[in-house]
Amino acid sequence: MFFRRENRSTSRAFVALTSIVAVGLSAACSTAPVAVPPASNQEPESASRGAVLSVTQVADLNPAEVTAHLRQAEIDASAVRHGVTAYRVVYSTIDVGGEPTTASQLVAFPQTEESDLHVVSWLHGTTVYRRDVASMNDASTDRAAALLFASTGRAVSAPDYLGLGESPGTHPYGHPEATVSASLDALRSARELAGRHDRTFDEEVRISGFSQGGPATMLLGRALQEGIDPSFELGALAPIAGPFDLSQFEADAADDKITMASLYLAYFSIAWDRMYDLYDTPEKAFRAPYAAQVEELLNGDHKTQEIAGALPPRSEDLFTEKFLDSVRHPRGDLREKLRTMDTTCDWRPDVPVHIFHATGDQDVAFEHARHCQRQLVSNGAEQRLTDVGDVDHNGTVRAALLQVVREFSRGD
């Protein structure tokens, strides 16, 4: 989980409040968007799930430019082998109620002669501002991650999820079925786009994701293993710094035991109220004067700096004590919904799982990685946990990415 910011200077200004990845990239590493006409004029109501609705080229980088981009993002670029072309793709999918909607993603292809490509699904962390995603923000760490994987010769599907990027509405934060459906349909649309370029996908999908993307990695992996789409198979799993015990994570946020506690808990509470009717009115959950503005602040159209400036940094100052107690000791439907997100590792993958985390992480405690590992071990799964060191939450993904690349390269 993390909240992104636009540039390095902004991040420094707010470092006391939050540990945000803020990557400023040089103009030489970006390209002006080039529109690519879609194959048809299908609307989401008539398009099949995963159908490509529009394509816009957002990057066309040679190997040296990819390397420069990654170095600006403080990501090890030693694995770069190829240039990368990337596109923002809008595709058809379904919403939390199963109704047709649209979502967007970044699709990245290596500049190689290979026609059949291995594919990576990269699943991002917590994002409050809808334009702060890989398909739209050239300076996002997720754009850099996609470029890294693609530069090693792989196709990359990096979904923005529902309610972010060019998807309408608000993001259903932590909704398991919507996480899977948007990510699966993103893979389908990436495959369709590859076909337009006379390229195909290897059926094995390697999945990795950071923070919120850690549990998402395990959810999508399980769905693929269970045959949700026979044209895709699970190839590898490498979650990074995921909150695998969501009940404990939210309880820690309620007790102000983590960095950015109030923002994380506010985002969770508002999203889950929209989905599951968590509270009757904002006043039941939030203290005055914040109850009157917090839901509008977290509608996806406000940047992290604006939200941080309007809300207190501590949960005890933002939420009512009764609501905080309900988060510390969840009951009924909330408890059941949280249990689903507490058990995303409670199954036996047919492929090895390599978990990455950092003992220095103050946003998502290292114990979450152990929680996932214990569940995998109890199911007899082949697993490994790597501590990437005394780095913060966002430093974890920078430290882990090259290791994930190497993990995914085994057996090629």
Protein backbone atom coordinates (compact mmCIF):
# COMPACT_ATOMS: atom_id res chain seq x y z
CA MET A 1 0.00 0.00 0.00
CA PHE A 2 1.25 3.43 -0.79
CA PHE A 3 -0.01 6.81 -1.86
CA ARG A 4 1.85 8.24 -4.83
CA ARG A 5 2.92 11.80 -5.43
CA GLU A 6 3.82 13.55 -8.61
CA ASN A 7 7.47 14.46 -8.10
CA ARG A 8 10.46 14.27 -5.79
CA SER A 9 10.18 17.82 -4.47
CA THR A 10 6.58 17.29 -3.41
CA SER A 11 7.55 14.09 -1.64
CA ARG A 12 10.25 15.83 0.35
CA ALA A 13 7.75 18.44 1.48
CA PHE A 14 5.52 15.74 2.93
CA VAL A 15 8.12 13.20 4.10
CA ALA A 16 7.25 13.77 7.75
CA LEU A 17 3.71 12.62 7.07
CA THR A 18 4.17 9.86 4.55
CA SER A 19 6.71 7.65 2.81
CA ILE A 20 5.71 8.01 -0.79
CA VAL A 21 7.47 6.93 -3.92
CA ALA A 22 8.01 10.09 -5.89
CA VAL A 23 9.87 9.70 -9.11
CA GLY A 24 10.75 12.62 -11.31
CA LEU A 25 11.64 11.54 -14.81
CA SER A 26 13.41 13.49 -17.47
CA ALA A 27 11.58 14.69 -20.54
CA ALA A 28 13.91 12.63 -22.69
CA CYS A 29 12.33 9.47 -21.26
CA SER A 30 8.79 10.26 -22.35
CA THR A 31 6.98 10.58 -25.64
CA ALA A 32 3.97 12.57 -26.72
CA PRO A 33 0.86 10.38 -26.76
CA VAL A 34 0.05 8.92 -30.17
CA ALA A 35 -3.50 7.75 -30.74
CA VAL A 36 -3.92 4.25 -32.18
CA PRO A 37 -7.41 3.61 -33.57
CA PRO A 38 -9.30 0.74 -31.95
CA ALA A 39 -10.33 -2.23 -34.06
CA SER A 40 -14.01 -1.42 -33.62
CA ASN A 41 -16.41 1.08 -32.12
CA GLN A 42 -17.77 -1.36 -29.55
CA GLU A 43 -19.38 0.10 -26.45
CA PRO A 44 -18.95 -1.69 -23.11
CA GLU A 45 -22.58 -2.87 -23.15
CA SER A 46 -21.95 -4.90 -26.31
CA ALA A 47 -18.24 -5.65 -26.06
CA SER A 48 -17.05 -8.96 -24.66
CA ARG A 49 -15.05 -8.84 -21.47
CA GLY A 50 -11.48 -7.82 -22.13
CA ALA A 51 -12.26 -6.31 -25.54
CA VAL A 52 -9.99 -3.42 -26.49
CA LEU A 53 -11.97 -0.18 -26.76
CA SER A 54 -9.17 2.34 -27.33
CA VAL A 55 -5.39 2.44 -27.50
CA THR A 56 -2.98 5.35 -27.00
CA GLN A 57 0.76 4.98 -27.30
CA VAL A 58 2.43 6.57 -24.28
CA ALA A 59 6.07 5.50 -24.55
CA ASP A 60 8.57 4.44 -27.22
CA LEU A 61 11.97 4.05 -25.58
CA ASN A 62 15.26 2.54 -26.71
CA PRO A 63 17.32 0.53 -24.18
CA ALA A 64 19.34 3.57 -23.09
CA GLU A 65 16.16 5.55 -22.46
CA VAL A 66 14.62 2.69 -20.48
CA THR A 67 17.81 2.54 -18.41
CA ALA A 68 17.69 6.28 -17.75
CA HIS A 69 14.02 6.05 -16.80
CA LEU A 70 14.70 3.29 -14.27
CA ARG A 71 17.68 5.06 -12.78
CA GLN A 72 15.59 8.18 -12.26
CA ALA A 73 13.15 5.93 -10.42
CA GLU A 74 16.01 4.53 -8.31
CA ILE A 75 15.44 1.04 -9.73
CA ASP A 76 18.33 -1.23 -10.73
CA ALA A 77 18.49 -1.18 -14.52
CA SER A 78 21.13 -3.89 -14.98
CA ALA A 79 18.57 -6.33 -16.45
CA VAL A 80 17.57 -4.02 -19.33
CA ARG A 81 18.09 -5.70 -22.70
CA HIS A 82 15.53 -4.18 -25.04
CA GLY A 83 13.67 -1.02 -25.83
CA VAL A 84 9.98 -0.83 -24.89
CA THR A 85 6.80 0.46 -26.50
CA ALA A 86 3.91 1.06 -24.11
CA TYR A 87 0.23 1.85 -24.55
CA ARG A 88 -2.68 3.04 -22.47
CA VAL A 89 -5.50 0.61 -23.23
CA VAL A 90 -9.16 1.07 -22.30
CA TYR A 91 -11.02 -2.24 -22.21
CA SER A 92 -14.37 -3.70 -21.28
CA THR A 93 -14.88 -5.40 -17.94
CA ILE A 94 -17.49 -5.65 -15.16
CA ASP A 95 -18.10 -3.65 -11.99
CA VAL A 96 -18.61 -4.98 -8.46
CA GLY A 97 -22.21 -5.81 -9.30
CA GLY A 98 -21.32 -7.71 -12.46
CA GLU A 99 -22.57 -4.96 -14.78
CA PRO A 100 -20.58 -3.85 -17.86
CA THR A 101 -18.07 -1.07 -17.36
CA THR A 102 -14.65 -0.03 -18.61
CA ALA A 103 -11.16 0.02 -17.14
CA SER A 104 -7.71 1.06 -18.30
CA GLN A 105 -4.24 -0.36 -18.07
CA LEU A 106 -0.67 0.04 -19.29
CA VAL A 107 0.45 -2.59 -21.78
CA ALA A 108 4.17 -2.74 -22.53
CA PHE A 109 5.87 -4.74 -25.28
CA PRO A 110 9.58 -5.35 -25.76
CA GLN A 111 11.13 -4.14 -28.99
CA THR A 112 12.24 -7.58 -30.13
CA GLU A 113 11.63 -9.88 -33.08
CA GLU A 114 10.03 -12.51 -30.86
CA SER A 115 6.46 -13.28 -31.86
CA ASP A 116 5.49 -15.42 -28.84
CA LEU A 117 5.96 -13.54 -25.57
CA HIS A 118 6.05 -14.49 -21.93
CA VAL A 119 3.62 -12.26 -20.03
CA VAL A 120 3.77 -10.53 -16.65
CA SER A 121 0.81 -9.11 -14.75
CA TRP A 122 1.98 -6.24 -12.54
CA LEU A 123 -0.52 -5.21 -9.82
CA HIS A 124 -0.05 -1.83 -8.17
CA GLY A 125 -0.35 -0.55 -4.61
CA THR A 126 -2.77 1.85 -2.96
CA THR A 127 -3.52 4.89 -5.14
CA VAL A 128 -5.95 7.64 -4.15
CA TYR A 129 -5.67 9.92 -7.21
CA ARG A 130 -7.11 8.34 -10.33
CA ARG A 131 -4.46 9.72 -12.68
CA ASP A 132 -1.57 8.47 -10.54
CA VAL A 133 -1.43 5.08 -12.28
CA ALA A 134 0.93 3.42 -14.73
CA SER A 135 -1.16 4.12 -17.81
CA MET A 136 -1.38 7.86 -17.14
CA ASN A 137 1.57 8.96 -14.99
CA ASP A 138 4.96 8.65 -16.66
CA ALA A 139 6.60 9.26 -13.26
CA SER A 140 4.82 6.44 -11.42
CA THR A 141 6.83 3.58 -10.01
CA ASP A 142 4.36 1.22 -11.68
CA ARG A 143 5.22 2.64 -15.11
CA ALA A 144 8.88 2.03 -14.27
CA ALA A 145 8.16 -1.54 -13.10
CA ALA A 146 6.33 -2.32 -16.34
CA LEU A 147 9.20 -0.91 -18.40
CA LEU A 148 11.68 -3.05 -16.47
CA PHE A 149 9.80 -6.29 -17.05
CA ALA A 150 9.19 -5.47 -20.72
CA SER A 151 12.85 -4.58 -21.26
CA THR A 152 13.74 -8.18 -20.37
CA GLY A 153 11.68 -9.47 -23.29
CA ARG A 154 8.25 -9.88 -21.70
CA ALA A 155 4.84 -8.42 -22.42
CA VAL A 156 3.39 -6.62 -19.41
CA SER A 157 -0.21 -6.01 -18.38
CA ALA A 158 -0.41 -3.40 -15.60
CA PRO A 159 -4.09 -2.79 -14.79
CA ASP A 160 -5.19 0.47 -13.17
CA TYR A 161 -8.12 -1.39 -11.48
CA LEU A 162 -11.69 -0.12 -11.42
CA GLY A 163 -12.28 3.55 -10.64
CA LEU A 164 -8.71 4.59 -11.46
CA GLY A 165 -7.11 5.74 -14.68
CA GLU A 166 -9.84 6.14 -17.28
CA SER A 167 -12.30 3.89 -15.46
CA PRO A 168 -15.49 5.62 -14.26
CA GLY A 169 -16.67 5.85 -10.68
CA THR A 170 -14.65 5.28 -7.52
CA HIS A 171 -12.14 2.55 -6.76
CA PRO A 172 -13.59 -0.50 -4.93
CA TYR A 173 -10.53 -0.74 -2.70
CA GLY A 174 -9.93 -4.28 -1.50
CA HIS A 175 -12.87 -5.88 -3.30
CA PRO A 176 -11.59 -9.38 -4.14
CA GLU A 177 -13.85 -10.23 -7.08
CA ALA A 178 -13.37 -6.84 -8.73
CA THR A 179 -9.61 -7.13 -8.30
CA VAL A 180 -9.61 -10.43 -10.15
CA SER A 181 -12.06 -9.45 -12.89
CA ALA A 182 -10.29 -6.20 -13.78
CA SER A 183 -6.88 -7.89 -13.80
CA LEU A 184 -8.05 -10.89 -15.81
CA ASP A 185 -9.83 -8.73 -18.38
CA ALA A 186 -6.68 -6.61 -18.59
CA LEU A 187 -4.74 -9.73 -19.59
CA ARG A 188 -7.35 -10.52 -22.22
CA SER A 189 -7.16 -7.03 -23.70
CA ALA A 190 -3.35 -7.07 -23.65
CA ARG A 191 -3.47 -10.34 -25.59
CA GLU A 192 -5.84 -8.80 -28.13
CA LEU A 193 -3.50 -5.84 -28.58
CA ALA A 194 -0.56 -8.20 -29.03
CA GLY A 195 -2.50 -9.94 -31.79
CA ARG A 196 -2.85 -6.66 -33.65
CA HIS A 197 0.96 -6.55 -33.68
CA ASP A 198 1.18 -10.17 -34.92
CA ARG A 199 2.35 -11.39 -31.54
CA THR A 200 0.99 -14.03 -29.19
CA PHE A 201 1.22 -14.72 -25.48
CA ASP A 202 2.71 -17.75 -23.81
CA GLU A 203 -0.13 -19.18 -21.73
CA GLU A 204 1.81 -19.00 -18.45
CA VAL A 205 1.26 -15.73 -16.56
CA ARG A 206 3.85 -14.55 -14.07
CA ILE A 207 2.24 -12.32 -11.46
CA SER A 208 3.79 -9.79 -9.12
CA GLY A 209 2.44 -6.81 -7.24
CA PHE A 210 3.35 -4.37 -4.53
CA SER A 211 1.48 -3.60 -1.31
CA GLN A 212 -2.25 -3.72 -2.21
CA GLY A 213 -0.93 -5.61 -5.22
CA GLY A 214 0.48 -8.34 -2.95
CA PRO A 215 -2.89 -9.83 -1.97
CA ALA A 216 -4.08 -9.04 -5.50
CA THR A 217 -1.24 -11.22 -6.81
CA MET A 218 -2.45 -14.15 -4.73
CA LEU A 219 -6.11 -13.60 -5.64
CA LEU A 220 -5.43 -13.51 -9.38
CA GLY A 221 -3.02 -16.44 -9.11
CA ARG A 222 -5.61 -18.59 -7.39
CA ALA A 223 -8.25 -17.71 -9.97
CA LEU A 224 -5.93 -18.68 -12.83
CA GLN A 225 -4.96 -21.95 -11.14
CA GLU A 226 -8.65 -22.76 -10.65
CA GLY A 227 -9.23 -22.33 -14.40
CA ILE A 228 -11.11 -19.04 -14.58
CA ASP A 229 -9.81 -18.70 -18.16
CA PRO A 230 -8.36 -21.85 -19.74
CA SER A 231 -6.24 -19.79 -22.14
CA PHE A 232 -4.12 -18.57 -19.21
CA GLU A 233 -2.17 -20.64 -16.71
CA LEU A 234 -0.37 -19.65 -13.55
CA GLY A 235 3.37 -19.37 -14.15
CA ALA A 236 4.89 -17.77 -11.03
CA LEU A 237 3.95 -15.65 -7.99
CA ALA A 238 6.08 -12.93 -6.40
CA PRO A 239 4.12 -10.62 -4.07
CA ILE A 240 5.94 -7.65 -2.52
CA ALA A 241 5.16 -6.04 0.88
CA GLY A 242 1.49 -7.01 0.91
CA PRO A 243 -0.93 -6.47 3.83
CA PHE A 244 -1.88 -10.14 3.95
CA ASP A 245 -3.61 -9.85 7.32
CA LEU A 246 -5.95 -6.99 6.50
CA SER A 247 -7.80 -7.24 9.81
CA GLN A 248 -4.56 -6.61 11.68
CA PHE A 249 -3.48 -3.90 9.27
CA GLU A 250 -6.67 -1.90 9.81
CA ALA A 251 -6.54 -2.48 13.57
CA ASP A 252 -2.97 -1.15 13.57
CA ALA A 253 -4.16 1.87 11.57
CA ALA A 254 -6.91 2.44 14.14
CA ASP A 255 -4.25 2.45 16.87
CA ASP A 256 -1.91 4.74 14.89
CA LYS A 257 0.78 2.08 14.82
CA ILE A 258 1.65 2.54 11.15
CA THR A 259 2.82 5.38 8.94
CA MET A 260 -0.04 7.35 7.37
CA ALA A 261 -2.55 5.58 9.61
CA SER A 262 -5.44 8.01 9.13
CA LEU A 263 -5.17 8.13 5.33
CA TYR A 264 -5.03 4.37 4.95
CA LEU A 265 -7.96 3.86 7.31
CA ALA A 266 -10.01 6.66 5.76
CA TYR A 267 -9.52 5.25 2.25
CA PHE A 268 -10.45 1.76 3.45
CA SER A 269 -13.46 2.94 5.47
CA ILE A 270 -14.99 5.06 2.71
CA ALA A 271 -14.45 2.44 0.02
CA TRP A 272 -15.90 -0.32 2.16
CA ASP A 273 -18.85 1.83 3.16
CA ARG A 274 -19.63 2.34 -0.52
CA MET A 275 -19.47 -1.41 -1.08
CA TYR A 276 -20.72 -2.87 2.20
CA ASP A 277 -22.56 -0.06 4.07
CA LEU A 278 -20.00 0.20 6.85
CA TYR A 279 -21.63 3.15 8.64
CA ASP A 280 -25.00 4.96 8.55
CA THR A 281 -23.66 8.49 8.03
CA PRO A 282 -20.15 9.98 7.86
CA GLU A 283 -20.72 11.48 11.32
CA LYS A 284 -20.91 7.96 12.75
CA ALA A 285 -17.33 7.30 11.63
CA PHE A 286 -15.59 10.68 11.35
CA ARG A 287 -15.22 13.53 13.80
CA ALA A 288 -16.28 17.09 13.01
CA PRO A 289 -15.33 19.00 10.94
CA TYR A 290 -13.89 16.20 8.81
CA ALA A 291 -17.14 14.23 8.40
CA ALA A 292 -18.45 16.92 6.05
CA GLN A 293 -15.57 16.70 3.57
CA VAL A 294 -13.71 13.40 3.85
CA GLU A 295 -15.84 11.37 1.41
CA GLU A 296 -15.51 14.03 -1.29
CA LEU A 297 -11.77 14.27 -0.67
CA LEU A 298 -11.40 10.54 -1.29
CA ASN A 299 -13.44 10.30 -4.49
CA GLY A 300 -10.39 9.75 -6.73
CA ASP A 301 -10.15 13.31 -8.03
CA HIS A 302 -7.89 14.74 -5.31
CA LYS A 303 -4.15 14.37 -5.01
CA THR A 304 -2.48 13.00 -1.93
CA GLN A 305 -1.02 16.39 -0.98
CA GLU A 306 -4.49 17.93 -0.91
CA ILE A 307 -5.94 15.13 1.19
CA ALA A 308 -3.00 15.12 3.60
CA GLY A 309 -3.30 18.85 4.05
CA ALA A 310 -7.01 18.64 4.86
CA LEU A 311 -7.02 15.71 7.30
CA PRO A 312 -5.20 15.06 10.59
CA PRO A 313 -2.39 12.50 10.37
CA ARG A 314 -3.60 10.43 13.35
CA SER A 315 -6.64 8.18 13.30
CA GLU A 316 -7.62 9.15 16.84
CA ASP A 317 -8.14 12.71 15.64
CA LEU A 318 -10.06 11.80 12.48
CA PHE A 319 -12.39 9.00 13.59
CA THR A 320 -14.90 8.59 16.39
CA GLU A 321 -13.79 6.27 19.16
CA LYS A 322 -16.79 4.00 18.60
CA PHE A 323 -15.88 3.52 14.95
CA LEU A 324 -12.22 2.85 15.80
CA ASP A 325 -13.35 0.20 18.25
CA SER A 326 -15.42 -1.46 15.51
CA VAL A 327 -12.28 -1.67 13.37
CA ARG A 328 -10.17 -3.04 16.22
CA HIS A 329 -12.80 -5.69 16.99
CA PRO A 330 -14.75 -6.34 13.76
CA ARG A 331 -18.01 -8.22 14.00
CA GLY A 332 -20.62 -9.67 11.67
CA ASP A 333 -20.37 -8.91 7.96
CA LEU A 334 -17.26 -6.74 8.36
CA ARG A 335 -15.45 -9.59 10.06
CA GLU A 336 -16.42 -12.00 7.27
CA LYS A 337 -15.38 -9.59 4.51
CA LEU A 338 -12.04 -8.99 6.23
CA ARG A 339 -11.48 -12.73 6.64
CA THR A 340 -11.55 -13.11 2.85
CA MET A 341 -8.68 -10.63 2.59
CA ASP A 342 -6.86 -12.24 5.54
CA THR A 343 -6.64 -15.56 3.70
CA THR A 344 -5.43 -14.68 0.22
CA CYS A 345 -2.40 -16.96 0.82
CA ASP A 346 -4.46 -19.81 2.31
CA TRP A 347 -4.22 -22.25 -0.62
CA ARG A 348 -1.64 -24.41 -2.39
CA PRO A 349 -0.24 -22.89 -5.59
CA ASP A 350 1.14 -25.34 -8.14
CA VAL A 351 4.06 -22.97 -8.67
CA PRO A 352 6.65 -21.66 -6.19
CA VAL A 353 5.75 -18.47 -4.34
CA HIS A 354 8.53 -15.99 -3.57
CA ILE A 355 7.45 -13.35 -1.06
CA PHE A 356 9.48 -10.16 -0.74
CA HIS A 357 9.28 -7.75 2.19
CA ALA A 358 11.52 -5.47 4.28
CA THR A 359 12.01 -5.45 8.02
CA GLY A 360 12.34 -1.67 7.81
CA ASP A 361 8.81 -1.23 6.45
CA GLN A 362 6.79 1.02 8.77
CA ASP A 363 3.63 1.02 6.61
CA VAL A 364 3.06 -2.72 6.30
CA ALA A 365 4.80 -4.70 9.01
CA PHE A 366 7.07 -7.60 8.09
CA GLU A 367 4.74 -9.85 10.07
CA HIS A 368 2.33 -9.71 7.13
CA ALA A 369 4.85 -11.61 5.02
CA ARG A 370 5.19 -14.22 7.76
CA HIS A 371 1.38 -14.44 7.92
CA CYS A 372 1.28 -15.29 4.20
CA GLN A 373 4.18 -17.70 4.55
CA ARG A 374 2.50 -19.58 7.41
CA GLN A 375 -0.66 -20.06 5.38
CA LEU A 376 1.30 -21.35 2.40
CA VAL A 377 3.31 -23.72 4.59
CA SER A 378 0.12 -25.07 6.18
CA ASN A 379 -1.10 -25.97 2.69
CA GLY A 380 2.15 -27.65 1.70
CA ALA A 381 3.07 -24.99 -0.86
CA GLU A 382 6.59 -24.39 -2.11
CA GLN A 383 7.46 -20.94 -0.83
CA ARG A 384 10.30 -18.62 0.04
CA LEU A 385 10.45 -15.34 1.97
CA THR A 386 13.19 -12.81 1.25
CA ASP A 387 13.91 -9.85 3.51
CA VAL A 388 15.22 -7.05 1.28
CA GLY A 389 16.61 -5.15 4.25
CA ASP A 390 16.23 -2.07 6.39
CA VAL A 391 14.33 0.02 3.85
CA ASP A 392 10.95 1.73 4.04
CA HIS A 393 7.76 0.62 2.33
CA ASN A 394 8.48 2.21 -1.02
CA GLY A 395 12.12 1.20 -0.82
CA THR A 396 10.92 -2.39 -0.65
CA VAL A 397 9.60 -2.41 -4.19
CA ARG A 398 12.75 -0.78 -5.54
CA ALA A 399 14.90 -3.36 -3.79
CA ALA A 400 12.73 -6.31 -4.82
CA LEU A 401 12.02 -5.64 -8.50
CA LEU A 402 15.31 -6.88 -9.93
CA GLN A 403 15.04 -10.01 -7.79
CA VAL A 404 11.54 -10.62 -9.15
CA VAL A 405 12.88 -10.23 -12.68
CA ARG A 406 15.47 -12.90 -11.95
CA GLU A 407 12.84 -15.12 -10.36
CA PHE A 408 10.65 -14.86 -13.44
CA SER A 409 13.63 -15.61 -15.71
CA ARG A 410 14.22 -19.04 -14.24
CA GLY A 411 13.40 -21.75 -16.70
CA ASP A 412 13.31 -19.43 -19.73
